[in-house]
Amino acid sequence: MSIGTGIVLFVLGAILAFGLELDIPGLNDDFVGYLLMGAGVVVFLIGLIFLMRRRSTVEHTRTVGDAGTAERVTERRTDADPY
């Protein structure tokens, strides 16, 4: 969702900076457009970082038998691949 939001912000900023000539007193449309483009790039990069991040869990179980004679160790790994 953040990747799409970043692209939308970038496109809106480019339209405002390069495509429209607004004359609103006290508001520089080029600056606002560049600001939206920069925010779009930042949001896009944050979305990519979260997408590429891998999550994994490791669970260790240790079972000791009667009188401490037998020991069983179980390890279970779960890798959640975002794809």
PDB file of N, CA and C in Angstrom:
ATOM      1  N   MET A   1       0.822  -1.187   0.000  1.00  0.00           N
ATOM      2  CA  MET A   1       0.000   0.000   0.000  1.00  0.00           C
ATOM      3  C   MET A   1       0.870   1.258   0.000  1.00  0.00           C
ATOM      4  N   SER A   2       1.970   1.233   0.704  1.00  0.00           N
ATOM      5  CA  SER A   2       2.802   2.424   0.765  1.00  0.00           C
ATOM      6  C   SER A   2       3.550   2.662  -0.540  1.00  0.00           C
ATOM      7  N   ILE A   3       3.800   1.594  -1.305  1.00  0.00           N
ATOM      8  CA  ILE A   3       4.458   1.778  -2.595  1.00  0.00           C
ATOM      9  C   ILE A   3       3.525   2.541  -3.531  1.00  0.00           C
ATOM     10  N   GLY A   4       2.261   2.150  -3.561  1.00  0.00           N
ATOM     11  CA  GLY A   4       1.284   2.853  -4.391  1.00  0.00           C
ATOM     12  C   GLY A   4       1.070   4.292  -3.942  1.00  0.00           C
ATOM     13  N   THR A   5       1.055   4.506  -2.645  1.00  0.00           N
ATOM     14  CA  THR A   5       0.902   5.857  -2.111  1.00  0.00           C
ATOM     15  C   THR A   5       2.086   6.729  -2.504  1.00  0.00           C
ATOM     16  N   GLY A   6       3.285   6.175  -2.460  1.00  0.00           N
ATOM     17  CA  GLY A   6       4.473   6.923  -2.870  1.00  0.00           C
ATOM     18  C   GLY A   6       4.425   7.307  -4.337  1.00  0.00           C
ATOM     19  N   ILE A   7       3.960   6.381  -5.176  1.00  0.00           N
ATOM     20  CA  ILE A   7       3.859   6.678  -6.606  1.00  0.00           C
ATOM     21  C   ILE A   7       2.820   7.766  -6.850  1.00  0.00           C
ATOM     22  N   VAL A   8       1.683   7.679  -6.168  1.00  0.00           N
ATOM     23  CA  VAL A   8       0.634   8.694  -6.327  1.00  0.00           C
ATOM     24  C   VAL A   8       1.131  10.068  -5.886  1.00  0.00           C
ATOM     25  N   LEU A   9       1.824  10.130  -4.747  1.00  0.00           N
ATOM     26  CA  LEU A   9       2.363  11.413  -4.279  1.00  0.00           C
ATOM     27  C   LEU A   9       3.361  11.983  -5.280  1.00  0.00           C
ATOM     28  N   PHE A  10       4.214  11.123  -5.829  1.00  0.00           N
ATOM     29  CA  PHE A  10       5.210  11.584  -6.788  1.00  0.00           C
ATOM     30  C   PHE A  10       4.544  12.129  -8.053  1.00  0.00           C
ATOM     31  N   VAL A  11       3.537  11.422  -8.555  1.00  0.00           N
ATOM     32  CA  VAL A  11       2.851  11.866  -9.776  1.00  0.00           C
ATOM     33  C   VAL A  11       2.106  13.169  -9.529  1.00  0.00           C
ATOM     34  N   LEU A  12       1.417  13.273  -8.405  1.00  0.00           N
ATOM     35  CA  LEU A  12       0.720  14.528  -8.098  1.00  0.00           C
ATOM     36  C   LEU A  12       1.693  15.697  -7.958  1.00  0.00           C
ATOM     37  N   GLY A  13       2.827  15.442  -7.346  1.00  0.00           N
ATOM     38  CA  GLY A  13       3.833  16.493  -7.222  1.00  0.00           C
ATOM     39  C   GLY A  13       4.400  16.905  -8.568  1.00  0.00           C
ATOM     40  N   ALA A  14       4.624  15.931  -9.459  1.00  0.00           N
ATOM     41  CA  ALA A  14       5.141  16.256 -10.788  1.00  0.00           C
ATOM     42  C   ALA A  14       4.121  17.047 -11.590  1.00  0.00           C
ATOM     43  N   ILE A  15       2.856  16.691 -11.478  1.00  0.00           N
ATOM     44  CA  ILE A  15       1.815  17.457 -12.170  1.00  0.00           C
ATOM     45  C   ILE A  15       1.764  18.873 -11.634  1.00  0.00           C
ATOM     46  N   LEU A  16       1.851  19.021 -10.341  1.00  0.00           N
ATOM     47  CA  LEU A  16       1.791  20.348  -9.738  1.00  0.00           C
ATOM     48  C   LEU A  16       3.032  21.173 -10.071  1.00  0.00           C
ATOM     49  N   ALA A  17       4.195  20.533 -10.109  1.00  0.00           N
ATOM     50  CA  ALA A  17       5.429  21.271 -10.355  1.00  0.00           C
ATOM     51  C   ALA A  17       5.626  21.605 -11.827  1.00  0.00           C
ATOM     52  N   PHE A  18       5.276  20.691 -12.708  1.00  0.00           N
ATOM     53  CA  PHE A  18       5.603  20.883 -14.122  1.00  0.00           C
ATOM     54  C   PHE A  18       4.403  21.110 -15.024  1.00  0.00           C
ATOM     55  N   GLY A  19       3.225  20.663 -14.622  1.00  0.00           N
ATOM     56  CA  GLY A  19       2.086  20.708 -15.533  1.00  0.00           C
ATOM     57  C   GLY A  19       1.118  21.847 -15.315  1.00  0.00           C
ATOM     58  N   LEU A  20       1.014  22.332 -14.109  1.00  0.00           N
ATOM     59  CA  LEU A  20       0.028  23.370 -13.812  1.00  0.00           C
ATOM     60  C   LEU A  20       0.711  24.696 -13.508  1.00  0.00           C
ATOM     61  N   GLU A  21       0.056  25.750 -13.909  1.00  0.00           N
ATOM     62  CA  GLU A  21       0.515  27.101 -13.559  1.00  0.00           C
ATOM     63  C   GLU A  21      -0.570  27.762 -12.714  1.00  0.00           C
ATOM     64  N   LEU A  22      -0.500  27.519 -11.426  1.00  0.00           N
ATOM     65  CA  LEU A  22      -1.455  28.119 -10.503  1.00  0.00           C
ATOM     66  C   LEU A  22      -0.890  29.428  -9.970  1.00  0.00           C
ATOM     67  N   ASP A  23      -1.780  30.361  -9.715  1.00  0.00           N
ATOM     68  CA  ASP A  23      -1.354  31.648  -9.169  1.00  0.00           C
ATOM     69  C   ASP A  23      -2.123  31.916  -7.886  1.00  0.00           C
ATOM     70  N   ILE A  24      -1.729  31.211  -6.830  1.00  0.00           N
ATOM     71  CA  ILE A  24      -2.365  31.366  -5.532  1.00  0.00           C
ATOM     72  C   ILE A  24      -1.444  32.221  -4.673  1.00  0.00           C
ATOM     73  N   PRO A  25      -1.956  33.341  -4.145  1.00  0.00           N
ATOM     74  CA  PRO A  25      -1.101  34.203  -3.320  1.00  0.00           C
ATOM     75  C   PRO A  25      -0.616  33.470  -2.061  1.00  0.00           C
ATOM     76  N   GLY A  26       0.666  33.590  -1.776  1.00  0.00           N
ATOM     77  CA  GLY A  26       1.252  32.989  -0.592  1.00  0.00           C
ATOM     78  C   GLY A  26       1.578  31.516  -0.743  1.00  0.00           C
ATOM     79  N   LEU A  27       1.428  30.949  -1.941  1.00  0.00           N
ATOM     80  CA  LEU A  27       1.689  29.528  -2.156  1.00  0.00           C
ATOM     81  C   LEU A  27       2.484  29.363  -3.442  1.00  0.00           C
ATOM     82  N   ASN A  28       3.665  28.822  -3.314  1.00  0.00           N
ATOM     83  CA  ASN A  28       4.511  28.555  -4.470  1.00  0.00           C
ATOM     84  C   ASN A  28       4.209  27.135  -4.944  1.00  0.00           C
ATOM     85  N   ASP A  29       3.532  27.000  -6.081  1.00  0.00           N
ATOM     86  CA  ASP A  29       3.106  25.688  -6.547  1.00  0.00           C
ATOM     87  C   ASP A  29       4.283  24.796  -6.937  1.00  0.00           C
ATOM     88  N   ASP A  30       5.375  25.389  -7.418  1.00  0.00           N
ATOM     89  CA  ASP A  30       6.554  24.578  -7.751  1.00  0.00           C
ATOM     90  C   ASP A  30       7.150  23.942  -6.489  1.00  0.00           C
ATOM     91  N   PHE A  31       7.248  24.731  -5.430  1.00  0.00           N
ATOM     92  CA  PHE A  31       7.795  24.205  -4.176  1.00  0.00           C
ATOM     93  C   PHE A  31       6.926  23.095  -3.613  1.00  0.00           C
ATOM     94  N   VAL A  32       5.614  23.278  -3.621  1.00  0.00           N
ATOM     95  CA  VAL A  32       4.700  22.259  -3.120  1.00  0.00           C
ATOM     96  C   VAL A  32       4.804  20.995  -3.976  1.00  0.00           C
ATOM     97  N   GLY A  33       4.951  21.162  -5.278  1.00  0.00           N
ATOM     98  CA  GLY A  33       5.110  20.007  -6.160  1.00  0.00           C
ATOM     99  C   GLY A  33       6.387  19.245  -5.871  1.00  0.00           C
ATOM    100  N   TYR A  34       7.492  19.966  -5.711  1.00  0.00           N
ATOM    101  CA  TYR A  34       8.760  19.297  -5.377  1.00  0.00           C
ATOM    102  C   TYR A  34       8.686  18.629  -4.009  1.00  0.00           C
ATOM    103  N   LEU A  35       7.998  19.250  -3.084  1.00  0.00           N
ATOM    104  CA  LEU A  35       7.831  18.669  -1.755  1.00  0.00           C
ATOM    105  C   LEU A  35       7.036  17.368  -1.827  1.00  0.00           C
ATOM    106  N   LEU A  36       5.963  17.350  -2.609  1.00  0.00           N
ATOM    107  CA  LEU A  36       5.186  16.128  -2.776  1.00  0.00           C
ATOM    108  C   LEU A  36       5.998  15.041  -3.483  1.00  0.00           C
ATOM    109  N   MET A  37       6.811  15.432  -4.445  1.00  0.00           N
ATOM    110  CA  MET A  37       7.651  14.455  -5.130  1.00  0.00           C
ATOM    111  C   MET A  37       8.665  13.835  -4.173  1.00  0.00           C
ATOM    112  N   GLY A  38       9.272  14.662  -3.336  1.00  0.00           N
ATOM    113  CA  GLY A  38      10.219  14.143  -2.341  1.00  0.00           C
ATOM    114  C   GLY A  38       9.554  13.222  -1.344  1.00  0.00           C
ATOM    115  N   ALA A  39       8.357  13.603  -0.891  1.00  0.00           N
ATOM    116  CA  ALA A  39       7.621  12.745   0.047  1.00  0.00           C
ATOM    117  C   ALA A  39       7.244  11.434  -0.625  1.00  0.00           C
ATOM    118  N   GLY A  40       6.903  11.480  -1.898  1.00  0.00           N
ATOM    119  CA  GLY A  40       6.571  10.261  -2.625  1.00  0.00           C
ATOM    120  C   GLY A  40       7.750   9.312  -2.715  1.00  0.00           C
ATOM    121  N   VAL A  41       8.934   9.850  -2.973  1.00  0.00           N
ATOM    122  CA  VAL A  41      10.132   9.008  -3.041  1.00  0.00           C
ATOM    123  C   VAL A  41      10.416   8.374  -1.682  1.00  0.00           C
ATOM    124  N   VAL A  42      10.291   9.145  -0.617  1.00  0.00           N
ATOM    125  CA  VAL A  42      10.561   8.619   0.730  1.00  0.00           C
ATOM    126  C   VAL A  42       9.565   7.518   1.087  1.00  0.00           C
ATOM    127  N   VAL A  43       8.292   7.732   0.814  1.00  0.00           N
ATOM    128  CA  VAL A  43       7.269   6.729   1.128  1.00  0.00           C
ATOM    129  C   VAL A  43       7.490   5.474   0.280  1.00  0.00           C
ATOM    130  N   PHE A  44       7.859   5.638  -0.976  1.00  0.00           N
ATOM    131  CA  PHE A  44       8.138   4.506  -1.850  1.00  0.00           C
ATOM    132  C   PHE A  44       9.304   3.674  -1.319  1.00  0.00           C
ATOM    133  N   LEU A  45      10.384   4.341  -0.905  1.00  0.00           N
ATOM    134  CA  LEU A  45      11.543   3.619  -0.382  1.00  0.00           C
ATOM    135  C   LEU A  45      11.239   2.904   0.928  1.00  0.00           C
ATOM    136  N   ILE A  46      10.459   3.526   1.792  1.00  0.00           N
ATOM    137  CA  ILE A  46      10.063   2.879   3.043  1.00  0.00           C
ATOM    138  C   ILE A  46       9.216   1.637   2.750  1.00  0.00           C
ATOM    139  N   GLY A  47       8.329   1.735   1.766  1.00  0.00           N
ATOM    140  CA  GLY A  47       7.528   0.578   1.375  1.00  0.00           C
ATOM    141  C   GLY A  47       8.387  -0.556   0.847  1.00  0.00           C
ATOM    142  N   LEU A  48       9.422  -0.234   0.061  1.00  0.00           N
ATOM    143  CA  LEU A  48      10.328  -1.267  -0.434  1.00  0.00           C
ATOM    144  C   LEU A  48      11.106  -1.928   0.696  1.00  0.00           C
ATOM    145  N   ILE A  49      11.538  -1.133   1.661  1.00  0.00           N
ATOM    146  CA  ILE A  49      12.289  -1.682   2.796  1.00  0.00           C
ATOM    147  C   ILE A  49      11.413  -2.655   3.579  1.00  0.00           C
ATOM    148  N   PHE A  50      10.167  -2.286   3.828  1.00  0.00           N
ATOM    149  CA  PHE A  50       9.275  -3.183   4.555  1.00  0.00           C
ATOM    150  C   PHE A  50       8.941  -4.428   3.752  1.00  0.00           C
ATOM    151  N   LEU A  51       8.885  -4.317   2.446  1.00  0.00           N
ATOM    152  CA  LEU A  51       8.592  -5.468   1.601  1.00  0.00           C
ATOM    153  C   LEU A  51       9.752  -6.452   1.583  1.00  0.00           C
ATOM    154  N   MET A  52      10.962  -5.946   1.581  1.00  0.00           N
ATOM    155  CA  MET A  52      12.138  -6.804   1.498  1.00  0.00           C
ATOM    156  C   MET A  52      12.544  -7.420   2.832  1.00  0.00           C
ATOM    157  N   ARG A  53      12.011  -6.906   3.897  1.00  0.00           N
ATOM    158  CA  ARG A  53      12.368  -7.410   5.220  1.00  0.00           C
ATOM    159  C   ARG A  53      11.822  -8.823   5.410  1.00  0.00           C
ATOM    160  N   ARG A  54      12.642  -9.698   5.901  1.00  0.00           N
ATOM    161  CA  ARG A  54      12.244 -11.085   6.134  1.00  0.00           C
ATOM    162  C   ARG A  54      11.946 -11.307   7.600  1.00  0.00           C
ATOM    163  N   ARG A  55      10.949 -12.106   7.847  1.00  0.00           N
ATOM    164  CA  ARG A  55      10.601 -12.446   9.220  1.00  0.00           C
ATOM    165  C   ARG A  55      10.856 -13.917   9.448  1.00  0.00           C
ATOM    166  N   SER A  56      11.453 -14.235  10.573  1.00  0.00           N
ATOM    167  CA  SER A  56      11.682 -15.641  10.901  1.00  0.00           C
ATOM    168  C   SER A  56      11.561 -15.841  12.403  1.00  0.00           C
ATOM    169  N   THR A  57      11.112 -17.032  12.780  1.00  0.00           N
ATOM    170  CA  THR A  57      11.016 -17.388  14.188  1.00  0.00           C
ATOM    171  C   THR A  57      11.681 -18.739  14.395  1.00  0.00           C
ATOM    172  N   VAL A  58      12.278 -18.916  15.547  1.00  0.00           N
ATOM    173  CA  VAL A  58      12.917 -20.178  15.910  1.00  0.00           C
ATOM    174  C   VAL A  58      12.363 -20.592  17.263  1.00  0.00           C
ATOM    175  N   GLU A  59      11.910 -21.834  17.346  1.00  0.00           N
ATOM    176  CA  GLU A  59      11.344 -22.355  18.589  1.00  0.00           C
ATOM    177  C   GLU A  59      12.149 -23.576  19.011  1.00  0.00           C
ATOM    178  N   HIS A  60      12.655 -23.553  20.235  1.00  0.00           N
ATOM    179  CA  HIS A  60      13.421 -24.664  20.782  1.00  0.00           C
ATOM    180  C   HIS A  60      12.587 -25.360  21.851  1.00  0.00           C
ATOM    181  N   THR A  61      12.534 -26.698  21.789  1.00  0.00           N
ATOM    182  CA  THR A  61      11.825 -27.493  22.784  1.00  0.00           C
ATOM    183  C   THR A  61      12.798 -28.527  23.335  1.00  0.00           C
ATOM    184  N   ARG A  62      12.855 -28.616  24.627  1.00  0.00           N
ATOM    185  CA  ARG A  62      13.758 -29.582  25.262  1.00  0.00           C
ATOM    186  C   ARG A  62      12.945 -30.458  26.201  1.00  0.00           C
ATOM    187  N   THR A  63      13.037 -31.763  26.003  1.00  0.00           N
ATOM    188  CA  THR A  63      12.292 -32.720  26.812  1.00  0.00           C
ATOM    189  C   THR A  63      13.283 -33.663  27.492  1.00  0.00           C
ATOM    190  N   VAL A  64      13.162 -33.805  28.796  1.00  0.00           N
ATOM    191  CA  VAL A  64      14.029 -34.705  29.562  1.00  0.00           C
ATOM    192  C   VAL A  64      13.176 -35.871  30.033  1.00  0.00           C
ATOM    193  N   GLY A  65      13.682 -37.112  29.807  1.00  0.00           N
ATOM    194  CA  GLY A  65      12.950 -38.318  30.193  1.00  0.00           C
ATOM    195  C   GLY A  65      13.020 -38.581  31.688  1.00  0.00           C
ATOM    196  N   ASP A  66      12.555 -39.745  32.090  1.00  0.00           N
ATOM    197  CA  ASP A  66      12.546 -40.148  33.497  1.00  0.00           C
ATOM    198  C   ASP A  66      13.967 -40.262  34.032  1.00  0.00           C
ATOM    199  N   ALA A  67      14.191 -39.785  35.191  1.00  0.00           N
ATOM    200  CA  ALA A  67      15.452 -39.848  35.923  1.00  0.00           C
ATOM    201  C   ALA A  67      16.601 -39.217  35.142  1.00  0.00           C
ATOM    202  N   GLY A  68      16.269 -38.322  34.225  1.00  0.00           N
ATOM    203  CA  GLY A  68      17.308 -37.589  33.498  1.00  0.00           C
ATOM    204  C   GLY A  68      18.093 -38.429  32.523  1.00  0.00           C
ATOM    205  N   THR A  69      17.570 -39.576  32.089  1.00  0.00           N
ATOM    206  CA  THR A  69      18.339 -40.458  31.212  1.00  0.00           C
ATOM    207  C   THR A  69      18.243 -40.070  29.743  1.00  0.00           C
ATOM    208  N   ALA A  70      17.114 -39.656  29.289  1.00  0.00           N
ATOM    209  CA  ALA A  70      16.942 -39.353  27.861  1.00  0.00           C
ATOM    210  C   ALA A  70      16.624 -37.867  27.690  1.00  0.00           C
ATOM    211  N   GLU A  71      17.165 -37.302  26.662  1.00  0.00           N
ATOM    212  CA  GLU A  71      16.919 -35.894  26.381  1.00  0.00           C
ATOM    213  C   GLU A  71      16.640 -35.746  24.890  1.00  0.00           C
ATOM    214  N   ARG A  72      15.596 -35.015  24.568  1.00  0.00           N
ATOM    215  CA  ARG A  72      15.240 -34.786  23.180  1.00  0.00           C
ATOM    216  C   ARG A  72      15.140 -33.285  22.945  1.00  0.00           C
ATOM    217  N   VAL A  73      15.842 -32.798  21.942  1.00  0.00           N
ATOM    218  CA  VAL A  73      15.825 -31.378  21.612  1.00  0.00           C
ATOM    219  C   VAL A  73      15.202 -31.232  20.228  1.00  0.00           C
ATOM    220  N   THR A  74      14.195 -30.395  20.121  1.00  0.00           N
ATOM    221  CA  THR A  74      13.510 -30.157  18.855  1.00  0.00           C
ATOM    222  C   THR A  74      13.642 -28.684  18.500  1.00  0.00           C
ATOM    223  N   GLU A  75      14.001 -28.414  17.262  1.00  0.00           N
ATOM    224  CA  GLU A  75      14.094 -27.035  16.788  1.00  0.00           C
ATOM    225  C   GLU A  75      13.192 -26.886  15.579  1.00  0.00           C
ATOM    226  N   ARG A  76      12.355 -25.866  15.603  1.00  0.00           N
ATOM    227  CA  ARG A  76      11.446 -25.605  14.498  1.00  0.00           C
ATOM    228  C   ARG A  76      11.663 -24.176  14.004  1.00  0.00           C
ATOM    229  N   ARG A  77      11.911 -24.054  12.715  1.00  0.00           N
ATOM    230  CA  ARG A  77      12.119 -22.742  12.104  1.00  0.00           C
ATOM    231  C   ARG A  77      10.942 -22.413  11.198  1.00  0.00           C
ATOM    232  N   THR A  78      10.523 -21.166  11.263  1.00  0.00           N
ATOM    233  CA  THR A  78       9.466 -20.676  10.385  1.00  0.00           C
ATOM    234  C   THR A  78       9.973 -19.418   9.703  1.00  0.00           C
ATOM    235  N   ASP A  79      10.089 -19.483   8.408  1.00  0.00           N
ATOM    236  CA  ASP A  79      10.482 -18.314   7.623  1.00  0.00           C
ATOM    237  C   ASP A  79       9.285 -17.847   6.827  1.00  0.00           C
ATOM    238  N   ALA A  80       8.869 -16.641   7.091  1.00  0.00           N
ATOM    239  CA  ALA A  80       7.739 -16.057   6.356  1.00  0.00           C
ATOM    240  C   ALA A  80       8.307 -15.231   5.216  1.00  0.00           C
ATOM    241  N   ASP A  81       8.256 -15.796   4.039  1.00  0.00           N
ATOM    242  CA  ASP A  81       8.750 -15.106   2.853  1.00  0.00           C
ATOM    243  C   ASP A  81       7.629 -14.228   2.316  1.00  0.00           C
ATOM    244  N   PRO A  82       7.868 -12.934   2.081  1.00  0.00           N
ATOM    245  CA  PRO A  82       6.788 -12.050   1.666  1.00  0.00           C
ATOM    246  C   PRO A  82       6.250 -12.329   0.268  1.00  0.00           C
ATOM    247  N   TYR A  83       6.824 -13.281  -0.446  1.00  0.00           N
ATOM    248  CA  TYR A  83       6.362 -13.532  -1.815  1.00  0.00           C
ATOM    249  C   TYR A  83       5.418 -14.669  -1.851  1.00  0.00           C
TER     250      TYR A  83
END
